[in-house]
Protein backbone atom coordinates (compact mmCIF):
# COMPACT_ATOMS: atom_id res chain seq x y z
CA MET A 1 28.43 64.88 15.67
CA THR A 2 30.92 62.19 16.60
CA GLU A 3 29.05 61.35 19.80
CA ASP A 4 25.79 60.99 17.84
CA LEU A 5 27.45 58.59 15.39
CA VAL A 6 28.98 56.59 18.25
CA ALA A 7 25.54 56.27 19.90
CA LYS A 8 23.97 55.12 16.61
CA ARG A 9 26.80 52.63 16.07
CA LYS A 10 26.20 51.19 19.55
CA THR A 11 22.48 50.75 18.80
CA LEU A 12 23.34 49.11 15.48
CA LEU A 13 25.84 46.77 17.17
CA GLU A 14 23.17 45.67 19.67
CA GLU A 15 20.75 45.05 16.81
CA SER A 16 23.42 43.03 15.01
CA GLU A 17 23.97 40.84 18.09
CA GLU A 18 20.22 40.31 18.42
CA HIS A 19 20.00 39.09 14.82
CA LYS A 20 23.02 36.85 15.38
CA THR A 21 21.54 35.31 18.55
CA LYS A 22 18.15 34.78 16.90
CA ARG A 23 19.81 33.28 13.82
CA ASN A 24 21.73 30.80 15.96
CA GLU A 25 18.59 29.84 17.90
CA LEU A 26 16.63 29.28 14.68
CA ASN A 27 19.48 27.24 13.17
CA ALA A 28 19.50 25.07 16.30
CA GLN A 29 15.73 24.61 16.01
CA ALA A 30 16.04 23.75 12.32
CA SER A 31 18.70 21.13 13.13
CA GLN A 32 16.46 19.62 15.81
CA PHE A 33 13.48 19.49 13.43
CA ALA A 34 15.72 17.88 10.79
CA ARG A 35 16.88 15.20 13.24
CA GLU A 36 13.30 14.45 14.30
CA ARG A 37 12.18 14.37 10.66
CA ASN A 38 14.97 11.94 9.76
CA GLU A 39 14.10 9.69 12.72
CA LEU A 40 10.46 9.60 11.62
CA ASN A 41 11.47 8.89 8.00
CA ASN A 42 13.65 6.02 9.21
CA ALA A 43 10.74 4.71 11.29
CA THR A 44 8.47 4.97 8.24
CA ARG A 45 10.90 2.94 6.14
CA GLN A 46 11.12 0.30 8.87
CA TYR A 47 7.33 0.08 9.19
CA VAL A 48 6.99 -0.31 5.42
CA GLU A 49 9.66 -3.05 5.42
CA ASP A 50 7.89 -4.86 8.27
CA ALA A 51 4.56 -4.51 6.46
CA GLN A 52 6.09 -6.01 3.31
CA LYS A 53 7.52 -8.95 5.29
CA ASN A 54 4.12 -9.61 6.88
CA LYS A 55 2.45 -9.33 3.47
CA GLU A 56 4.82 -11.98 2.08
CA LEU A 57 4.14 -14.25 5.07
CA ARG A 58 0.39 -13.68 4.70
CA ASP A 59 0.50 -14.59 1.00
CA GLN A 60 2.69 -17.60 1.72
CA ASN A 61 0.24 -18.92 4.33
CA ASN A 62 -2.74 -18.21 2.07
CA ASN A 63 -1.07 -20.21 -0.71
CA GLU A 64 -0.46 -23.06 1.72
CA VAL A 65 -4.10 -22.84 2.86
CA GLN A 66 -5.24 -23.16 -0.75
CA ALA A 67 -2.96 -26.14 -1.39
CA LEU A 68 -4.06 -27.87 1.83
CA LYS A 69 -7.72 -27.22 1.02
CA GLU A 70 -7.29 -28.88 -2.36
CA GLN A 71 -5.70 -31.92 -0.71
CA ARG A 72 -8.39 -32.00 1.98
CA ASN A 73 -11.16 -31.72 -0.63
CA GLU A 74 -9.69 -34.59 -2.64
CA LEU A 75 -9.70 -36.79 0.47
CA ASN A 76 -13.25 -35.74 1.32
CA ASP A 77 -14.33 -36.50 -2.25
CA LYS A 78 -12.83 -39.99 -1.95
CA ALA A 79 -14.55 -40.53 1.39
CA ASN A 80 -17.85 -39.24 -0.02
CA ALA A 81 -17.58 -41.58 -3.00
CA LEU A 82 -17.13 -44.53 -0.63
CA PHE A 83 -20.06 -43.38 1.51
CA GLU A 84 -22.20 -43.22 -1.65
CA GLU A 85 -21.30 -46.82 -2.33
CA ILE A 86 -22.08 -47.67 1.29
CA ASP A 87 -25.47 -45.92 1.05
CA ALA A 88 -26.20 -47.80 -2.17
CA LEU A 89 -25.36 -51.11 -0.52
CA ARG A 90 -27.58 -50.24 2.43
CA GLY A 91 -30.38 -49.34 0.03
CA ASP A 92 -30.09 -52.70 -1.70
CA ALA A 93 -30.01 -54.59 1.59
CA GLY A 94 -32.80 -52.63 3.34
CA SER A 95 -36.55 -53.34 2.97
CA GLY A 96 -39.87 -52.77 4.74
CA ALA A 97 -39.78 -50.67 7.90
CA ALA A 98 -35.99 -50.65 7.96
CA ALA A 99 -35.89 -49.21 4.46
CA ALA A 100 -38.57 -46.65 5.32
CA SER A 101 -36.60 -45.64 8.42
CA HIS A 102 -33.42 -45.33 6.33
CA GLU A 103 -35.11 -43.03 3.81
CA LYS A 104 -35.96 -40.57 6.59
CA LYS A 105 -32.32 -40.23 7.60
CA ALA A 106 -29.76 -38.10 5.76
CA SER A 107 -26.99 -40.15 4.19
CA ALA A 108 -23.48 -40.07 5.68
CA LYS A 109 -22.35 -38.43 2.44
CA ASP A 110 -24.82 -35.55 2.86
CA ILE A 111 -23.94 -35.14 6.52
CA LEU A 112 -20.23 -35.00 5.65
CA ARG A 113 -20.92 -32.31 3.08
CA GLN A 114 -22.77 -30.32 5.73
CA ILE A 115 -19.76 -30.68 8.01
CA GLU A 116 -17.43 -29.47 5.24
CA ALA A 117 -19.63 -26.42 4.60
CA LEU A 118 -19.74 -25.57 8.32
CA GLU A 119 -15.96 -25.96 8.64
CA GLU A 120 -15.52 -23.63 5.66
CA ARG A 121 -17.73 -21.05 7.38
CA GLN A 122 -15.71 -21.41 10.56
CA GLN A 123 -12.50 -20.58 8.64
CA THR A 124 -13.75 -17.76 6.46
CA GLU A 125 -16.50 -15.90 8.33
CA VAL A 126 -16.07 -13.40 11.14
CA MET A 127 -18.57 -14.27 13.87
CA THR A 128 -19.22 -13.72 17.54
CA THR A 129 -17.97 -16.19 20.16
CA GLU A 130 -21.55 -17.35 20.75
CA LYS A 131 -22.18 -17.97 17.04
CA GLU A 132 -18.90 -19.85 16.67
CA ARG A 133 -19.76 -22.01 19.70
CA GLU A 134 -23.13 -22.85 18.10
CA LEU A 135 -21.38 -23.78 14.85
CA VAL A 136 -18.85 -26.01 16.67
CA ASP A 137 -21.71 -27.75 18.55
CA LYS A 138 -23.52 -28.33 15.25
CA ILE A 139 -20.39 -29.90 13.74
CA LYS A 140 -20.05 -32.19 16.78
CA GLN A 141 -23.71 -33.20 16.44
CA LEU A 142 -23.31 -34.03 12.75
CA ARG A 143 -20.15 -36.02 13.41
CA ALA A 144 -22.02 -37.99 16.05
CA GLU A 145 -24.71 -38.81 13.45
CA VAL A 146 -22.02 -39.99 11.05
CA LYS A 147 -20.51 -42.11 13.81
CA GLU A 148 -23.95 -43.59 14.56
CA GLN A 149 -24.41 -44.53 10.93
CA GLU A 150 -20.91 -45.97 10.79
CA VAL A 151 -21.74 -48.24 13.73
CA GLU A 152 -24.77 -49.47 11.79
CA HIS A 153 -22.66 -49.98 8.69
CA GLU A 154 -20.14 -52.12 10.54
CA GLN A 155 -22.78 -54.83 10.93
CA ASN A 156 -22.58 -55.41 7.17
CA LYS A 157 -19.41 -57.26 6.16
CA GLU A 158 -19.64 -56.00 2.59
CA VAL A 159 -19.80 -52.44 3.85
CA ARG A 160 -17.11 -52.74 6.52
CA GLY A 161 -14.10 -52.63 4.15
CA ARG A 162 -15.33 -49.51 2.40
CA LEU A 163 -16.14 -47.93 5.76
CA ILE A 164 -12.60 -48.50 7.07
CA GLU A 165 -11.13 -46.93 3.94
CA ALA A 166 -13.59 -44.00 4.08
CA ARG A 167 -12.72 -43.42 7.74
CA GLU A 168 -9.03 -43.25 6.86
CA PHE A 169 -9.72 -40.66 4.17
CA ARG A 170 -11.80 -38.67 6.65
CA LYS A 171 -9.05 -38.95 9.26
CA GLN A 172 -6.48 -37.59 6.83
CA ALA A 173 -8.90 -34.86 5.73
CA SER A 174 -9.48 -33.86 9.37
CA ALA A 175 -5.73 -33.62 9.95
CA LEU A 176 -5.42 -31.40 6.89
CA HIS A 177 -8.37 -29.34 8.08
CA ALA A 178 -6.48 -28.65 11.32
CA ASP A 179 -3.48 -27.52 9.23
CA VAL A 180 -5.77 -25.36 7.10
CA THR A 181 -7.17 -23.70 10.22
CA GLU A 182 -3.68 -23.09 11.63
CA LYS A 183 -2.37 -21.63 8.36
CA ALA A 184 -5.49 -19.51 7.91
CA GLU A 185 -5.05 -18.08 11.42
CA LEU A 186 -1.39 -17.33 10.66
CA ALA A 187 -2.38 -15.65 7.40
CA GLN A 188 -4.91 -13.50 9.27
CA LYS A 189 -2.34 -12.69 11.96
CA HIS A 190 0.21 -11.49 9.37
CA HIS A 191 -2.52 -9.59 7.52
CA ASP A 192 -3.45 -7.73 10.72
CA LEU A 193 0.23 -7.01 11.41
CA MET A 194 0.69 -5.74 7.85
CA VAL A 195 -2.30 -3.39 8.20
CA GLU A 196 -1.00 -2.14 11.56
CA CYS A 197 2.49 -1.52 10.13
CA TYR A 198 1.05 0.45 7.22
CA ARG A 199 -1.08 2.46 9.68
CA LYS A 200 2.01 3.27 11.73
CA ALA A 201 3.94 4.11 8.55
CA ASP A 202 1.22 6.58 7.52
CA LYS A 203 1.27 8.18 10.96
CA SER A 204 5.06 8.52 11.10
CA ARG A 205 5.09 9.83 7.51
CA GLU A 206 2.61 12.53 8.50
CA GLY A 207 4.82 13.38 11.48
CA ALA A 208 7.89 13.56 9.23
CA ASP A 209 6.07 15.90 6.82
CA ALA A 210 5.08 18.16 9.73
CA LYS A 211 8.66 18.22 11.04
CA HIS A 212 9.97 18.99 7.55
CA LYS A 213 7.57 21.95 7.31
CA GLN A 214 8.83 23.22 10.70
CA PHE A 215 12.42 22.71 9.51
CA VAL A 216 11.83 24.77 6.35
CA GLU A 217 10.10 27.55 8.28
CA ALA A 218 12.88 27.71 10.90
CA GLN A 219 15.58 27.61 8.20
CA GLU A 220 13.95 30.42 6.23
CA ALA A 221 13.59 32.52 9.38
CA ALA A 222 17.26 31.83 10.24
CA ASP A 223 18.29 32.89 6.73
CA ALA A 224 16.31 36.14 7.15
CA GLU A 225 18.02 36.82 10.48
CA HIS A 226 21.43 36.06 8.95
CA LYS A 227 20.70 38.47 6.10
CA ALA A 228 19.72 41.17 8.62
CA PHE A 229 22.89 40.42 10.59
CA LEU A 230 25.06 40.83 7.50
CA GLU A 231 23.32 44.12 6.67
CA CYS A 232 24.05 45.36 10.21
CA GLN A 233 27.70 44.32 9.82
CA LYS A 234 27.94 46.23 6.55
CA ASN A 235 26.44 49.33 8.14
CA LEU A 236 28.81 49.00 11.10
CA ARG A 237 31.77 48.99 8.73
CA ASP A 238 30.40 52.12 7.08
CA TYR A 239 30.04 53.80 10.48
CA ASP A 240 33.60 52.75 11.38
CA LYS A 241 34.94 54.29 8.17
CA VAL A 242 33.14 57.57 8.84
CA LEU A 243 34.21 57.68 12.49
CA THR A 244 37.81 56.81 11.61
CA GLY A 245 37.87 59.60 9.04
CA MET A 246 36.36 62.10 11.45
CA ARG A 247 38.76 61.14 14.23
CA SER A 248 41.73 61.42 11.86
CA LYS A 249 40.59 64.88 10.78
CA GLN A 250 40.07 65.95 14.38
CA LYS A 251 43.54 64.71 15.22
CA LYS A 252 45.05 66.70 12.38
CA VAL A 253 43.20 69.85 13.44
CA LYS A 254 44.42 69.40 17.00
CA THR A 255 47.97 68.87 15.76
CA VAL A 256 47.83 72.09 13.73
CA LYS A 257 46.46 73.96 16.71
CA ASP A 258 49.14 72.52 18.97
CA ASN A 259 51.84 73.48 16.46
CA LYS A 260 50.56 77.04 16.24
CA SER A 261 50.45 77.33 19.99
CA ALA A 262 53.99 75.93 20.31
CA ARG A 263 55.26 78.31 17.59
CA LYS A 264 53.71 81.26 19.32
CA GLU A 265 55.23 80.26 22.65
CA ALA A 266 58.65 79.76 21.02
CA GLU A 267 58.50 83.19 19.44
CA THR A 268 57.76 84.74 22.86
CA ILE A 269 60.76 82.88 24.34
CA PHE A 270 62.97 83.95 21.40
CA ASN A 271 62.00 87.60 21.81
CA ALA A 272 62.79 87.36 25.52
CA PHE A 273 66.18 85.82 24.58
CA LYS A 274 66.89 88.69 22.23
CA SER A 275 66.04 91.10 25.02
CA GLY A 276 68.79 89.50 27.10
CA GLU A 277 66.67 87.36 29.35
CA LYS A 278 68.19 84.17 30.62
CA LEU A 279 66.68 80.99 29.14
CA THR A 280 66.10 77.66 30.86
CA THR A 281 66.98 74.32 29.35
CA GLU A 282 63.25 73.77 28.70
CA ASP A 283 63.10 77.11 26.87
CA LEU A 284 66.05 76.14 24.69
CA LEU A 285 64.41 72.78 23.80
CA LYS A 286 61.19 74.58 22.77
CA LEU A 287 63.22 76.95 20.57
CA GLN A 288 64.94 73.95 18.93
CA ARG A 289 61.63 72.17 18.28
CA SER A 290 60.24 75.32 16.69
CA LYS A 291 63.48 75.63 14.63
CA LEU A 292 63.99 79.25 15.76
CA ILE A 293 67.60 78.46 16.71
């Protein structure tokens, strides 16, 4: 009976150690998943912060683009007004074939408006490299036509003053147009960076969610192993109590048997003593222990 209980206790102890080892492994996995989840959450926060910074820079550049456009448009309007006056003066001065030839040509004002519209397309539309090259060539062509008309205008003293002033307005407008283009490109750059940061944030957030799910699963499995380990420990204590009790009882039984055997031996020695046999020192000690003398 005792040997059977000892064998069962050994099996239970091995099972307990297995649960303990598995629990520790799962807790280690859960800790690793938690660290990876936290790293991904930190990365997500950083990506969102970077996206917000780029959004602010994009909006700032877009606001500057709008302000510069308004300034550029005001200068173009002033230049166009002067070119209207110049065209009117040319109309008054021209006659015959010259006037007929003039009517066939677009006015500098109209050409400048075409240039403005093409520049606006260049800033706002997404186009292929070939299309953009065609647009740039068209702008150059129109500017050359304006320049040609300006050369004609310079022959008229009354027109020359207005032409100089209109050129200055156009020069300032062109400088602002360059600033508009630069700011628009910066706004687009920060917009693209913002979108990329949000994309990375979404990806790292998904990764963090997956790691959190793995963490929960590993933690729950570790808790189950720990519960099984505790149950084994409880059962081991119960086995130990039973075995201790059985061993104590066996010890008592053996003691009683030993005492009976010693008493019987002492009685044999005592009877021999009464018969006149000589006793050894060992015999006397046995008689004393049995309290027969």
